[in-house]
Amino acid sequence: MDWTFENVDWAEIGVGTMDTLTMLGFSTLFTVLIGLPLGIILFLTSRGQLLQNRSFYTMASFVVNVLRSVPFIILMILLIPVTKMIVGTSLGVLGAIPPLVFGAAPFFARLVETSLREIDKGVIEAAQSMGASNWQIVWNVLLPESRSGLIAGITITTVTLVSYTAMSGVIGGGGLGDLAIRYGYQRFQTDVMIVTVVILLVMVQILQSLGDRLVLKFSRK
């Protein structure tokens, strides 16, 4: 093992880091935009809730479970035609974002549904008794009451996406994962592998610490 890191191209590491942050930022944004309403719909249509619909819930739950069950690296390969159709390429940063969203949105939707289930049903019934519409209950009751749980869910999902971005390098997704595979694995440059892993670990620690602070700040106690 060469501890001088002579194989490390720090400029390329910088570009890879920015690519990873770009993938992480856009995939997190679209995951929340898709996963949050999906999780709310799953909750509302589940048994005993405002829009109970057994058939719809069963179908939606099945789709979510299927997408969650497929290993991400296989999901990326399966979605190559869909990715090309959406963004025009399956390679690089742009080509990695759709499979990242497809992989993480169902996961986040389940976390949203779980957070909403933790809300005291009496609060919802009180809002109904005052004549609140379903939309008002969602906006003024469900989201505020589950705020800390939703933040925790976003944190967990974002940390999961960090590992997903690394795996996207297997099919040329770019970022630190791509560098780790091309240099650390294929060319046996262990120093490059160590640097990429350390940067990913630092990202995870920063994201988790920030998420924990926000959860603590917004917790209702």
Foldseek 3Di string as FASTA:
>chain_A
DDPVLPVDDVVQQVVLAVLLVVLLVLLLVLLCVQQQVLLVVLQQCDPPHVNPDVVVNVVSVVLLVVLQPDPLLVLLVVCQVVLCVVQVGCAESSNLRVSLSSNLNSVLSNLLNVLLVPDDVVQLVVCVVVPDDPVCCVVVPRCLQSVLSNLVSSLVSSLVSLVSCLSSLVVRHGHLNVQCCVPCPPVVSVSSVVVSVVVSVVVNVVSVVVSVVVSVVSPDD
